[in-house]
């Protein structure tokens, strides 16, 4: 994919720095499940000097059951709230069974889907924060036959960092973070985990697979 470079209007910023370009390239190298259709999307322009974003839809039996996006922000000057110069901002929304909406553990379980996915993909991070929202919709009158629906929405941000065990000068690798976000989407819609030893096949942009 062609990397989209975003800068603050009027800052005089030129081409994006090498560390940002390398981080974006690593995002595009992530491998996602075939059910996840991922592509580049316009990134916000006023949150950080540089940003890149991906969007994804999860499709099962030709039906979209989940959607999300992940944004990489970069401020070369650093950001005290981030505790670093990079920040991942992610969103995931999925259809869930209506009776789950009243489960008092749903929010904490939803948050654990993210943290466990980051851990499973060895995506090292700091300063995670976010919210989990449950939404129920009921139909009435002429639409009463459609019944109710429910969704869970997870919004999160975290600071990706190079593992402490890495060699000095090791570049930031965003692929594990994108893959963890992809797993979050799949877990939220109820897809079973990929069996151990089964490879997720990459594919080109416009197909269901990697974000390349």
N, C-alpha and C. Protein backbone atom coordinates (compact mmCIF):
# COMPACT_ATOMS: atom_id res chain seq x y z
N UNK A 1 0.84 -1.20 0.00
CA UNK A 1 0.00 0.00 0.00
C UNK A 1 0.87 1.24 0.00
N UNK A 2 0.36 2.32 -0.56
CA UNK A 2 1.05 3.59 -0.50
C UNK A 2 0.83 4.19 0.88
N UNK A 3 1.90 4.55 1.55
CA UNK A 3 1.80 5.08 2.90
C UNK A 3 1.28 6.51 2.85
N UNK A 4 0.25 6.76 3.60
CA UNK A 4 -0.30 8.12 3.70
C UNK A 4 0.43 8.86 4.80
N UNK A 5 0.96 10.03 4.51
CA UNK A 5 1.67 10.83 5.49
C UNK A 5 0.81 12.02 5.88
N UNK A 6 0.63 12.19 7.17
CA UNK A 6 -0.21 13.28 7.67
C UNK A 6 0.64 14.24 8.49
N UNK A 7 0.45 15.54 8.32
CA UNK A 7 1.14 16.53 9.12
C UNK A 7 0.15 17.60 9.55
N UNK A 8 0.50 18.28 10.64
CA UNK A 8 -0.32 19.41 11.05
C UNK A 8 -0.27 20.51 10.01
N UNK A 9 -1.39 21.05 9.59
CA UNK A 9 -1.35 22.17 8.66
C UNK A 9 -0.60 23.34 9.29
N UNK A 10 0.30 23.94 8.53
CA UNK A 10 0.97 25.14 9.00
C UNK A 10 2.17 24.90 9.87
N UNK A 11 2.56 23.64 10.15
CA UNK A 11 3.70 23.41 11.01
C UNK A 11 5.01 23.50 10.25
N UNK A 12 4.94 23.42 8.92
CA UNK A 12 6.16 23.44 8.14
C UNK A 12 6.83 22.09 8.09
N UNK A 13 6.17 21.04 8.60
CA UNK A 13 6.77 19.71 8.60
C UNK A 13 6.87 19.20 7.17
N UNK A 14 8.00 18.58 6.86
CA UNK A 14 8.19 18.06 5.52
C UNK A 14 7.91 16.58 5.48
N UNK A 15 8.80 15.84 4.82
CA UNK A 15 8.64 14.39 4.72
C UNK A 15 8.68 13.77 6.11
N UNK A 16 7.95 12.67 6.27
CA UNK A 16 7.92 12.01 7.57
C UNK A 16 9.29 11.44 7.92
N UNK A 17 9.62 11.38 9.20
CA UNK A 17 10.93 10.88 9.62
C UNK A 17 11.09 9.40 9.34
N UNK A 18 12.34 8.92 9.21
CA UNK A 18 12.56 7.50 8.87
C UNK A 18 11.94 6.54 9.86
N UNK A 19 11.98 6.87 11.16
CA UNK A 19 11.43 5.94 12.15
C UNK A 19 9.92 5.78 11.99
N UNK A 20 9.25 6.85 11.53
CA UNK A 20 7.81 6.74 11.29
C UNK A 20 7.54 5.89 10.05
N UNK A 21 8.30 6.12 8.99
CA UNK A 21 8.11 5.33 7.77
C UNK A 21 8.37 3.84 8.04
N UNK A 22 9.38 3.54 8.84
CA UNK A 22 9.68 2.15 9.18
C UNK A 22 8.54 1.54 9.99
N UNK A 23 7.99 2.32 10.91
CA UNK A 23 6.89 1.82 11.74
C UNK A 23 5.65 1.54 10.89
N UNK A 24 5.36 2.44 9.94
CA UNK A 24 4.21 2.24 9.06
C UNK A 24 4.42 1.01 8.19
N UNK A 25 5.64 0.84 7.68
CA UNK A 25 5.93 -0.34 6.86
C UNK A 25 5.70 -1.62 7.66
N UNK A 26 6.06 -1.61 8.93
CA UNK A 26 5.85 -2.80 9.75
C UNK A 26 4.37 -3.05 10.01
N UNK A 27 3.56 -1.98 10.07
CA UNK A 27 2.11 -2.16 10.18
C UNK A 27 1.57 -2.92 8.98
N UNK A 28 2.04 -2.54 7.80
CA UNK A 28 1.56 -3.15 6.57
C UNK A 28 2.05 -4.58 6.39
N UNK A 29 3.05 -4.98 7.18
CA UNK A 29 3.57 -6.35 7.09
C UNK A 29 2.79 -7.31 7.98
N UNK A 30 1.82 -6.80 8.75
CA UNK A 30 1.05 -7.68 9.64
C UNK A 30 0.25 -8.69 8.85
N UNK A 31 0.07 -9.87 9.43
CA UNK A 31 -0.75 -10.92 8.81
C UNK A 31 -2.02 -11.11 9.62
N UNK A 32 -3.15 -11.02 8.94
CA UNK A 32 -4.45 -11.13 9.58
C UNK A 32 -5.20 -12.34 9.02
N UNK A 33 -6.20 -12.76 9.76
CA UNK A 33 -6.99 -13.91 9.34
C UNK A 33 -7.75 -13.63 8.05
N UNK A 34 -8.08 -14.68 7.29
CA UNK A 34 -8.81 -14.48 6.02
C UNK A 34 -10.15 -13.79 6.19
N UNK A 35 -10.75 -13.90 7.37
CA UNK A 35 -12.06 -13.27 7.59
C UNK A 35 -11.95 -11.74 7.73
N UNK A 36 -10.73 -11.24 7.87
CA UNK A 36 -10.51 -9.81 8.11
C UNK A 36 -10.08 -9.13 6.82
N UNK A 37 -10.90 -8.20 6.35
CA UNK A 37 -10.57 -7.40 5.16
C UNK A 37 -10.03 -6.07 5.66
N UNK A 38 -8.75 -5.81 5.41
CA UNK A 38 -8.08 -4.64 5.96
C UNK A 38 -7.51 -3.78 4.85
N UNK A 39 -7.66 -2.47 4.99
CA UNK A 39 -7.12 -1.55 4.00
C UNK A 39 -6.78 -0.23 4.67
N UNK A 40 -6.00 0.58 3.95
CA UNK A 40 -5.61 1.88 4.48
C UNK A 40 -6.79 2.84 4.46
N UNK A 41 -6.83 3.75 5.42
CA UNK A 41 -7.86 4.77 5.49
C UNK A 41 -7.19 6.10 5.82
N UNK A 42 -7.86 7.23 5.54
CA UNK A 42 -7.30 8.53 5.89
C UNK A 42 -7.07 8.63 7.40
N UNK A 43 -5.94 9.17 7.77
CA UNK A 43 -5.61 9.30 9.19
C UNK A 43 -5.97 10.70 9.69
N UNK A 44 -6.26 10.84 10.99
CA UNK A 44 -6.55 12.18 11.53
C UNK A 44 -5.33 13.09 11.39
N UNK A 45 -5.57 14.36 11.20
CA UNK A 45 -4.49 15.29 10.89
C UNK A 45 -4.09 16.20 12.04
N UNK A 46 -4.86 16.24 13.11
CA UNK A 46 -4.60 17.24 14.14
C UNK A 46 -4.25 16.64 15.50
N UNK A 47 -4.11 15.33 15.59
CA UNK A 47 -3.79 14.72 16.87
C UNK A 47 -2.29 14.67 17.09
N UNK A 48 -1.54 14.42 16.03
CA UNK A 48 -0.08 14.30 16.12
C UNK A 48 0.51 14.78 14.80
N UNK A 49 1.80 15.14 14.79
CA UNK A 49 2.42 15.59 13.55
C UNK A 49 2.36 14.57 12.42
N UNK A 50 2.42 13.27 12.75
CA UNK A 50 2.40 12.23 11.73
C UNK A 50 1.44 11.13 12.18
N UNK A 51 0.69 10.59 11.21
CA UNK A 51 -0.27 9.54 11.54
C UNK A 51 -0.53 8.67 10.33
N UNK A 52 -0.85 7.41 10.58
CA UNK A 52 -1.25 6.47 9.54
C UNK A 52 -2.33 5.58 10.12
N UNK A 53 -3.28 5.15 9.28
CA UNK A 53 -4.43 4.42 9.81
C UNK A 53 -4.85 3.28 8.90
N UNK A 54 -5.40 2.25 9.52
CA UNK A 54 -5.96 1.11 8.81
C UNK A 54 -7.38 0.88 9.31
N UNK A 55 -8.24 0.40 8.43
CA UNK A 55 -9.59 0.00 8.83
C UNK A 55 -9.79 -1.47 8.46
N UNK A 56 -10.73 -2.11 9.12
CA UNK A 56 -10.97 -3.53 8.86
C UNK A 56 -12.43 -3.88 9.08
N UNK A 57 -12.91 -4.85 8.30
CA UNK A 57 -14.22 -5.45 8.51
C UNK A 57 -14.03 -6.95 8.66
N UNK A 58 -14.78 -7.55 9.56
CA UNK A 58 -14.76 -9.00 9.73
C UNK A 58 -16.03 -9.56 9.11
N UNK A 59 -15.84 -10.49 8.17
CA UNK A 59 -16.98 -11.05 7.45
C UNK A 59 -17.05 -12.56 7.67
N UNK A 60 -18.24 -13.03 8.04
CA UNK A 60 -18.48 -14.46 8.23
C UNK A 60 -19.70 -14.83 7.41
N UNK A 61 -19.54 -15.81 6.53
CA UNK A 61 -20.64 -16.24 5.66
C UNK A 61 -21.22 -15.05 4.89
N UNK A 62 -20.32 -14.22 4.37
CA UNK A 62 -20.67 -13.06 3.55
C UNK A 62 -21.47 -12.00 4.30
N UNK A 63 -21.41 -12.04 5.62
CA UNK A 63 -22.07 -11.03 6.45
C UNK A 63 -21.04 -10.31 7.29
N UNK A 64 -21.07 -8.97 7.27
CA UNK A 64 -20.16 -8.19 8.11
C UNK A 64 -20.64 -8.26 9.55
N UNK A 65 -19.79 -8.77 10.43
CA UNK A 65 -20.17 -8.93 11.83
C UNK A 65 -19.32 -8.08 12.76
N UNK A 66 -18.31 -7.44 12.24
CA UNK A 66 -17.47 -6.60 13.08
C UNK A 66 -16.69 -5.61 12.23
N UNK A 67 -16.29 -4.53 12.85
CA UNK A 67 -15.51 -3.51 12.15
C UNK A 67 -14.56 -2.85 13.13
N UNK A 68 -13.53 -2.21 12.61
CA UNK A 68 -12.60 -1.53 13.49
C UNK A 68 -11.60 -0.70 12.72
N UNK A 69 -10.75 -0.02 13.47
CA UNK A 69 -9.67 0.76 12.87
C UNK A 69 -8.53 0.85 13.88
N UNK A 70 -7.34 1.05 13.36
CA UNK A 70 -6.17 1.27 14.21
C UNK A 70 -5.37 2.41 13.61
N UNK A 71 -4.96 3.34 14.46
CA UNK A 71 -4.24 4.54 14.03
C UNK A 71 -2.90 4.58 14.73
N UNK A 72 -1.86 4.84 13.98
CA UNK A 72 -0.53 5.04 14.55
C UNK A 72 -0.24 6.53 14.55
N UNK A 73 0.05 7.06 15.74
CA UNK A 73 0.40 8.47 15.89
C UNK A 73 1.89 8.57 16.21
N UNK A 74 2.51 9.63 15.72
CA UNK A 74 3.93 9.84 16.01
C UNK A 74 4.21 11.32 16.23
N UNK A 75 4.81 11.61 17.37
CA UNK A 75 5.27 12.96 17.69
C UNK A 75 6.75 12.85 18.04
N UNK A 76 7.64 13.25 17.13
CA UNK A 76 9.08 13.12 17.38
C UNK A 76 9.55 13.83 18.65
N UNK A 77 8.78 14.83 19.10
CA UNK A 77 9.16 15.56 20.32
C UNK A 77 8.74 14.83 21.59
N UNK A 78 7.98 13.79 21.43
CA UNK A 78 7.51 13.04 22.59
C UNK A 78 6.23 13.62 23.16
N UNK A 79 5.56 12.83 23.95
CA UNK A 79 4.30 13.23 24.57
C UNK A 79 4.26 12.62 25.96
N UNK A 80 4.16 13.47 26.97
CA UNK A 80 4.20 12.98 28.36
C UNK A 80 3.09 11.98 28.65
N UNK A 81 1.90 12.24 28.08
CA UNK A 81 0.77 11.33 28.33
C UNK A 81 1.01 9.97 27.70
N UNK A 82 1.73 9.94 26.57
CA UNK A 82 2.02 8.68 25.89
C UNK A 82 3.15 7.92 26.56
N UNK A 83 4.06 8.65 27.21
CA UNK A 83 5.30 8.07 27.73
C UNK A 83 6.18 7.57 26.59
N UNK A 84 6.14 8.28 25.47
CA UNK A 84 6.92 7.89 24.30
C UNK A 84 6.63 8.80 23.14
N UNK A 85 7.10 8.41 21.96
CA UNK A 85 6.89 9.22 20.75
C UNK A 85 5.88 8.60 19.80
N UNK A 86 5.44 7.38 20.07
CA UNK A 86 4.44 6.71 19.25
C UNK A 86 3.23 6.37 20.13
N UNK A 87 2.07 6.26 19.48
CA UNK A 87 0.86 5.86 20.18
C UNK A 87 -0.05 5.12 19.21
N UNK A 88 -0.58 3.99 19.63
CA UNK A 88 -1.59 3.25 18.88
C UNK A 88 -2.97 3.59 19.45
N UNK A 89 -3.90 3.90 18.56
CA UNK A 89 -5.29 4.16 18.95
C UNK A 89 -6.17 3.20 18.17
N UNK A 90 -6.93 2.39 18.88
CA UNK A 90 -7.69 1.33 18.22
C UNK A 90 -9.16 1.38 18.60
N UNK A 91 -9.97 0.89 17.67
CA UNK A 91 -11.42 0.81 17.87
C UNK A 91 -11.90 -0.51 17.30
N UNK A 92 -12.81 -1.16 18.01
CA UNK A 92 -13.40 -2.40 17.52
C UNK A 92 -14.88 -2.43 17.91
N UNK A 93 -15.73 -2.84 16.97
CA UNK A 93 -17.16 -2.99 17.25
C UNK A 93 -17.62 -4.32 16.68
N UNK A 94 -18.41 -5.05 17.46
CA UNK A 94 -18.85 -6.37 17.02
C UNK A 94 -20.27 -6.64 17.47
N UNK A 95 -20.98 -7.41 16.65
CA UNK A 95 -22.30 -7.88 17.03
C UNK A 95 -22.15 -8.99 18.07
N UNK A 96 -22.98 -8.95 19.11
CA UNK A 96 -22.96 -10.00 20.13
C UNK A 96 -24.38 -10.47 20.38
N UNK A 97 -24.50 -11.59 21.08
CA UNK A 97 -25.82 -12.10 21.44
C UNK A 97 -26.52 -11.12 22.37
N UNK A 98 -27.80 -10.90 22.15
CA UNK A 98 -28.54 -9.91 22.91
C UNK A 98 -28.52 -10.19 24.41
N UNK A 99 -28.56 -11.47 24.80
CA UNK A 99 -28.60 -11.77 26.23
C UNK A 99 -27.28 -11.47 26.94
N UNK A 100 -26.21 -11.27 26.17
CA UNK A 100 -24.93 -10.94 26.79
C UNK A 100 -24.85 -9.50 27.26
N UNK A 101 -25.75 -8.67 26.79
CA UNK A 101 -25.68 -7.25 27.08
C UNK A 101 -25.84 -6.97 28.57
N UNK A 102 -26.52 -7.86 29.29
CA UNK A 102 -26.74 -7.65 30.73
C UNK A 102 -25.68 -8.33 31.59
N UNK A 103 -24.73 -8.99 30.98
CA UNK A 103 -23.68 -9.67 31.74
C UNK A 103 -22.77 -8.62 32.39
N UNK A 104 -22.69 -8.60 33.74
CA UNK A 104 -21.88 -7.58 34.41
C UNK A 104 -20.38 -7.71 34.12
N UNK A 105 -19.95 -8.85 33.62
CA UNK A 105 -18.54 -9.07 33.34
C UNK A 105 -18.16 -8.73 31.90
N UNK A 106 -19.15 -8.34 31.10
CA UNK A 106 -18.89 -8.14 29.68
C UNK A 106 -17.80 -7.10 29.43
N UNK A 107 -17.85 -5.99 30.13
CA UNK A 107 -16.87 -4.93 29.89
C UNK A 107 -15.45 -5.38 30.23
N UNK A 108 -15.29 -5.99 31.39
CA UNK A 108 -13.95 -6.43 31.78
C UNK A 108 -13.44 -7.54 30.88
N UNK A 109 -14.33 -8.42 30.45
CA UNK A 109 -13.94 -9.47 29.51
C UNK A 109 -13.53 -8.86 28.18
N UNK A 110 -14.29 -7.86 27.72
CA UNK A 110 -13.95 -7.19 26.47
C UNK A 110 -12.58 -6.55 26.53
N UNK A 111 -12.25 -5.92 27.64
CA UNK A 111 -10.92 -5.31 27.78
C UNK A 111 -9.84 -6.39 27.80
N UNK A 112 -10.13 -7.53 28.43
CA UNK A 112 -9.14 -8.60 28.49
C UNK A 112 -8.86 -9.19 27.11
N UNK A 113 -9.83 -9.11 26.19
CA UNK A 113 -9.58 -9.58 24.82
C UNK A 113 -8.41 -8.82 24.22
N UNK A 114 -8.36 -7.51 24.48
CA UNK A 114 -7.26 -6.70 23.95
C UNK A 114 -5.94 -7.02 24.62
N UNK A 115 -5.91 -6.98 25.94
CA UNK A 115 -4.65 -7.19 26.65
C UNK A 115 -4.09 -8.59 26.41
N UNK A 116 -4.98 -9.58 26.34
CA UNK A 116 -4.51 -10.94 26.09
C UNK A 116 -4.00 -11.09 24.66
N UNK A 117 -4.63 -10.39 23.71
CA UNK A 117 -4.16 -10.44 22.32
C UNK A 117 -2.78 -9.79 22.21
N UNK A 118 -2.58 -8.65 22.86
CA UNK A 118 -1.27 -8.00 22.85
C UNK A 118 -0.20 -8.91 23.44
N UNK A 119 -0.54 -9.56 24.53
CA UNK A 119 0.41 -10.48 25.16
C UNK A 119 0.70 -11.68 24.26
N UNK A 120 -0.34 -12.23 23.65
CA UNK A 120 -0.17 -13.41 22.81
C UNK A 120 0.73 -13.12 21.60
N UNK A 121 0.69 -11.89 21.11
CA UNK A 121 1.49 -11.53 19.94
C UNK A 121 2.81 -10.86 20.31
N UNK A 122 3.13 -10.90 21.61
CA UNK A 122 4.37 -10.29 22.10
C UNK A 122 4.49 -8.84 21.68
N UNK A 123 3.37 -8.13 21.73
CA UNK A 123 3.34 -6.71 21.40
C UNK A 123 3.61 -5.92 22.68
N UNK A 124 4.83 -5.46 22.87
CA UNK A 124 5.22 -4.77 24.09
C UNK A 124 4.66 -3.36 24.09
N UNK A 125 4.12 -2.93 25.24
CA UNK A 125 3.44 -1.64 25.28
C UNK A 125 3.49 -1.03 26.68
N UNK A 126 3.15 0.26 26.75
CA UNK A 126 3.05 1.00 28.00
C UNK A 126 1.76 1.80 28.00
N UNK A 127 1.34 2.23 29.18
CA UNK A 127 0.29 3.24 29.36
C UNK A 127 -0.98 2.95 28.58
N UNK A 128 -1.51 1.76 28.71
CA UNK A 128 -2.76 1.41 28.02
C UNK A 128 -3.95 2.05 28.73
N UNK A 129 -4.92 2.49 27.95
CA UNK A 129 -6.15 3.04 28.52
C UNK A 129 -7.27 2.85 27.51
N UNK A 130 -8.52 2.92 27.98
CA UNK A 130 -9.61 2.75 27.04
C UNK A 130 -10.94 2.56 27.71
N UNK A 131 -11.95 2.30 26.89
CA UNK A 131 -13.31 2.09 27.37
C UNK A 131 -13.94 0.90 26.64
N UNK A 132 -14.90 0.28 27.29
CA UNK A 132 -15.71 -0.77 26.67
C UNK A 132 -17.18 -0.37 26.84
N UNK A 133 -17.90 -0.30 25.74
CA UNK A 133 -19.29 0.14 25.75
C UNK A 133 -20.18 -0.95 25.18
N UNK A 134 -21.31 -1.18 25.84
CA UNK A 134 -22.29 -2.12 25.32
C UNK A 134 -23.50 -1.33 24.82
N UNK A 135 -24.02 -1.74 23.67
CA UNK A 135 -25.13 -1.02 23.05
C UNK A 135 -26.23 -2.02 22.70
N UNK A 136 -27.45 -1.77 23.15
CA UNK A 136 -28.59 -2.63 22.83
C UNK A 136 -29.61 -1.82 22.03
N UNK A 137 -30.17 -2.44 21.00
CA UNK A 137 -31.16 -1.79 20.16
C UNK A 137 -32.41 -2.66 20.09
N UNK A 138 -33.58 -2.06 20.37
CA UNK A 138 -34.86 -2.78 20.27
C UNK A 138 -35.74 -2.10 19.23
N UNK A 139 -36.49 -2.89 18.51
CA UNK A 139 -37.37 -2.37 17.46
C UNK A 139 -38.82 -2.42 17.89
N UNK A 140 -39.61 -1.44 17.43
CA UNK A 140 -41.01 -1.36 17.81
C UNK A 140 -41.88 -1.06 16.59
N UNK A 141 -43.19 -1.16 16.78
CA UNK A 141 -44.14 -0.84 15.73
C UNK A 141 -43.95 -1.74 14.51
N UNK A 142 -43.86 -1.10 13.35
CA UNK A 142 -43.72 -1.85 12.11
C UNK A 142 -42.40 -2.59 12.00
N UNK A 143 -41.44 -2.27 12.88
CA UNK A 143 -40.14 -2.95 12.84
C UNK A 143 -39.99 -3.96 13.96
N UNK A 144 -41.07 -4.21 14.70
CA UNK A 144 -40.99 -5.08 15.87
C UNK A 144 -40.53 -6.49 15.52
N UNK A 145 -40.85 -6.94 14.31
CA UNK A 145 -40.48 -8.31 13.92
C UNK A 145 -38.97 -8.47 13.75
N UNK A 146 -38.25 -7.36 13.65
CA UNK A 146 -36.81 -7.47 13.45
C UNK A 146 -36.06 -7.86 14.73
N UNK A 147 -36.75 -7.74 15.88
CA UNK A 147 -36.12 -8.13 17.12
C UNK A 147 -35.03 -7.16 17.55
N UNK A 148 -34.33 -7.51 18.62
CA UNK A 148 -33.30 -6.64 19.15
C UNK A 148 -31.91 -7.05 18.68
N UNK A 149 -30.99 -6.13 18.77
CA UNK A 149 -29.59 -6.41 18.45
C UNK A 149 -28.72 -5.83 19.54
N UNK A 150 -27.48 -6.31 19.60
CA UNK A 150 -26.55 -5.82 20.62
C UNK A 150 -25.15 -5.77 20.02
N UNK A 151 -24.40 -4.78 20.45
CA UNK A 151 -23.01 -4.63 20.00
C UNK A 151 -22.12 -4.31 21.20
N UNK A 152 -20.86 -4.63 21.05
CA UNK A 152 -19.85 -4.22 22.01
C UNK A 152 -18.86 -3.35 21.27
N UNK A 153 -18.45 -2.24 21.89
CA UNK A 153 -17.49 -1.32 21.30
C UNK A 153 -16.30 -1.18 22.25
N UNK A 154 -15.13 -1.37 21.70
CA UNK A 154 -13.90 -1.27 22.49
C UNK A 154 -13.04 -0.17 21.89
N UNK A 155 -12.71 0.81 22.69
CA UNK A 155 -11.83 1.90 22.28
C UNK A 155 -10.62 1.87 23.20
N UNK A 156 -9.43 1.89 22.61
CA UNK A 156 -8.23 1.75 23.43
C UNK A 156 -7.06 2.48 22.80
N UNK A 157 -6.10 2.81 23.63
CA UNK A 157 -4.84 3.36 23.13
C UNK A 157 -3.72 2.85 24.00
N UNK A 158 -2.56 2.72 23.41
CA UNK A 158 -1.38 2.26 24.14
C UNK A 158 -0.13 2.73 23.41
N UNK A 159 0.98 2.73 24.13
CA UNK A 159 2.25 3.16 23.56
C UNK A 159 3.08 1.94 23.20
N UNK A 160 3.30 1.68 21.92
CA UNK A 160 4.13 0.54 21.53
C UNK A 160 5.61 0.84 21.79
N UNK A 161 6.32 -0.12 22.31
CA UNK A 161 7.74 0.07 22.61
C UNK A 161 8.54 -1.14 22.15
N UNK A 162 9.83 -0.93 21.97
CA UNK A 162 10.74 -2.02 21.64
C UNK A 162 10.97 -2.84 22.90
N UNK A 163 10.91 -4.17 22.85
CA UNK A 163 11.13 -4.99 24.05
C UNK A 163 12.49 -4.69 24.69
N UNK A 164 12.53 -4.75 26.01
CA UNK A 164 13.78 -4.49 26.73
C UNK A 164 14.86 -5.48 26.37
N UNK A 165 14.44 -6.66 25.92
CA UNK A 165 15.40 -7.70 25.58
C UNK A 165 15.99 -7.54 24.18
N UNK A 166 15.47 -6.58 23.42
CA UNK A 166 15.92 -6.40 22.04
C UNK A 166 17.31 -5.78 22.01
N UNK A 167 18.02 -6.00 20.91
CA UNK A 167 19.34 -5.41 20.72
C UNK A 167 19.21 -3.89 20.58
N UNK A 168 20.20 -3.13 21.06
CA UNK A 168 20.17 -1.68 20.90
C UNK A 168 20.03 -1.29 19.43
N UNK A 169 19.19 -0.31 19.17
CA UNK A 169 18.97 0.14 17.79
C UNK A 169 17.90 -0.63 17.05
N UNK A 170 17.27 -1.62 17.71
CA UNK A 170 16.20 -2.38 17.05
C UNK A 170 15.02 -1.46 16.75
N UNK A 171 14.54 -1.42 15.51
CA UNK A 171 13.42 -0.52 15.18
C UNK A 171 12.11 -1.01 15.78
N UNK A 172 11.19 -0.11 15.94
CA UNK A 172 9.87 -0.43 16.46
C UNK A 172 9.10 -1.27 15.44
N UNK A 173 8.58 -2.40 15.87
CA UNK A 173 7.84 -3.30 14.99
C UNK A 173 6.36 -3.24 15.36
N UNK A 174 5.56 -2.69 14.46
CA UNK A 174 4.12 -2.54 14.72
C UNK A 174 3.30 -3.74 14.27
N UNK A 175 3.89 -4.69 13.54
CA UNK A 175 3.13 -5.84 13.05
C UNK A 175 2.44 -6.59 14.20
N UNK A 176 3.13 -6.89 15.32
CA UNK A 176 2.44 -7.59 16.40
C UNK A 176 1.25 -6.82 16.97
N UNK A 177 1.33 -5.50 16.97
CA UNK A 177 0.24 -4.68 17.50
C UNK A 177 -0.97 -4.72 16.56
N UNK A 178 -0.73 -4.66 15.25
CA UNK A 178 -1.81 -4.76 14.28
C UNK A 178 -2.43 -6.15 14.33
N UNK A 179 -1.60 -7.17 14.46
CA UNK A 179 -2.11 -8.53 14.54
C UNK A 179 -2.94 -8.75 15.81
N UNK A 180 -2.52 -8.12 16.91
CA UNK A 180 -3.29 -8.21 18.15
C UNK A 180 -4.65 -7.53 17.99
N UNK A 181 -4.66 -6.37 17.31
CA UNK A 181 -5.92 -5.69 17.03
C UNK A 181 -6.82 -6.56 16.16
N UNK A 182 -6.24 -7.21 15.16
CA UNK A 182 -7.02 -8.12 14.32
C UNK A 182 -7.59 -9.27 15.12
N UNK A 183 -6.80 -9.79 16.06
CA UNK A 183 -7.31 -10.87 16.91
C UNK A 183 -8.43 -10.37 17.81
N UNK A 184 -8.30 -9.15 18.30
CA UNK A 184 -9.37 -8.56 19.11
C UNK A 184 -10.68 -8.54 18.32
N UNK A 185 -10.62 -8.11 17.07
CA UNK A 185 -11.82 -8.08 16.24
C UNK A 185 -12.43 -9.47 16.10
N UNK A 186 -11.59 -10.45 15.84
CA UNK A 186 -12.09 -11.81 15.63
C UNK A 186 -12.65 -12.42 16.91
N UNK A 187 -12.00 -12.15 18.03
CA UNK A 187 -12.51 -12.65 19.31
C UNK A 187 -13.85 -12.01 19.63
N UNK A 188 -13.96 -10.71 19.38
CA UNK A 188 -15.19 -10.00 19.70
C UNK A 188 -16.39 -10.54 18.93
N UNK A 189 -16.18 -10.98 17.68
CA UNK A 189 -17.30 -11.49 16.88
C UNK A 189 -17.52 -12.98 17.13
N UNK A 190 -16.67 -13.60 17.96
CA UNK A 190 -16.89 -14.98 18.34
C UNK A 190 -16.21 -16.02 17.47
N UNK A 191 -15.23 -15.62 16.65
CA UNK A 191 -14.50 -16.60 15.84
C UNK A 191 -13.59 -17.42 16.74
N UNK A 192 -13.51 -18.73 16.52
CA UNK A 192 -12.62 -19.56 17.33
C UNK A 192 -11.17 -19.25 16.99
N UNK A 193 -10.25 -19.46 17.94
CA UNK A 193 -8.83 -19.21 17.68
C UNK A 193 -8.30 -20.08 16.56
N UNK A 194 -7.30 -19.57 15.84
CA UNK A 194 -6.64 -20.37 14.82
C UNK A 194 -5.84 -21.48 15.53
N UNK A 195 -6.02 -22.75 15.14
CA UNK A 195 -5.29 -23.83 15.80
C UNK A 195 -3.78 -23.62 15.74
N UNK A 196 -3.09 -24.01 16.78
CA UNK A 196 -1.65 -23.86 16.83
C UNK A 196 -1.00 -24.64 15.69
N UNK A 197 -0.07 -24.01 15.01
CA UNK A 197 0.63 -24.65 13.91
C UNK A 197 0.01 -24.38 12.56
N UNK A 198 -1.17 -23.72 12.54
CA UNK A 198 -1.81 -23.37 11.28
C UNK A 198 -1.42 -21.94 10.92
N UNK A 199 -0.80 -21.77 9.77
CA UNK A 199 -0.33 -20.45 9.35
C UNK A 199 -1.48 -19.62 8.78
N UNK A 200 -1.44 -18.32 9.06
CA UNK A 200 -2.39 -17.40 8.44
C UNK A 200 -1.76 -16.91 7.15
N UNK A 201 -2.38 -17.24 6.03
CA UNK A 201 -1.80 -16.93 4.72
C UNK A 201 -1.96 -15.45 4.39
N UNK A 202 -0.89 -14.81 3.95
CA UNK A 202 -1.00 -13.40 3.56
C UNK A 202 -1.68 -13.27 2.20
N UNK A 203 -2.19 -12.09 1.92
CA UNK A 203 -2.76 -11.81 0.61
C UNK A 203 -2.56 -10.35 0.29
N UNK A 204 -2.84 -9.97 -0.94
CA UNK A 204 -2.62 -8.58 -1.33
C UNK A 204 -3.80 -7.71 -0.92
N UNK A 205 -3.56 -6.41 -1.00
CA UNK A 205 -4.62 -5.45 -0.63
C UNK A 205 -5.86 -5.73 -1.47
N UNK A 206 -7.02 -5.66 -0.80
CA UNK A 206 -8.27 -5.90 -1.50
C UNK A 206 -8.74 -7.34 -1.33
N UNK A 207 -7.89 -8.18 -0.72
CA UNK A 207 -8.31 -9.54 -0.41
C UNK A 207 -8.36 -9.67 1.09
N UNK A 208 -8.89 -10.78 1.54
CA UNK A 208 -9.04 -10.97 2.98
C UNK A 208 -7.79 -11.67 3.50
N UNK A 209 -6.94 -10.88 4.14
CA UNK A 209 -5.70 -11.44 4.65
C UNK A 209 -4.83 -10.36 5.22
N UNK A 210 -3.57 -10.29 4.81
CA UNK A 210 -2.66 -9.30 5.35
C UNK A 210 -3.01 -7.91 4.84
N UNK A 211 -2.37 -6.89 5.46
CA UNK A 211 -2.65 -5.53 5.08
C UNK A 211 -1.66 -5.03 4.05
N UNK A 212 -0.91 -5.88 3.42
CA UNK A 212 0.02 -5.46 2.39
C UNK A 212 -0.73 -5.00 1.15
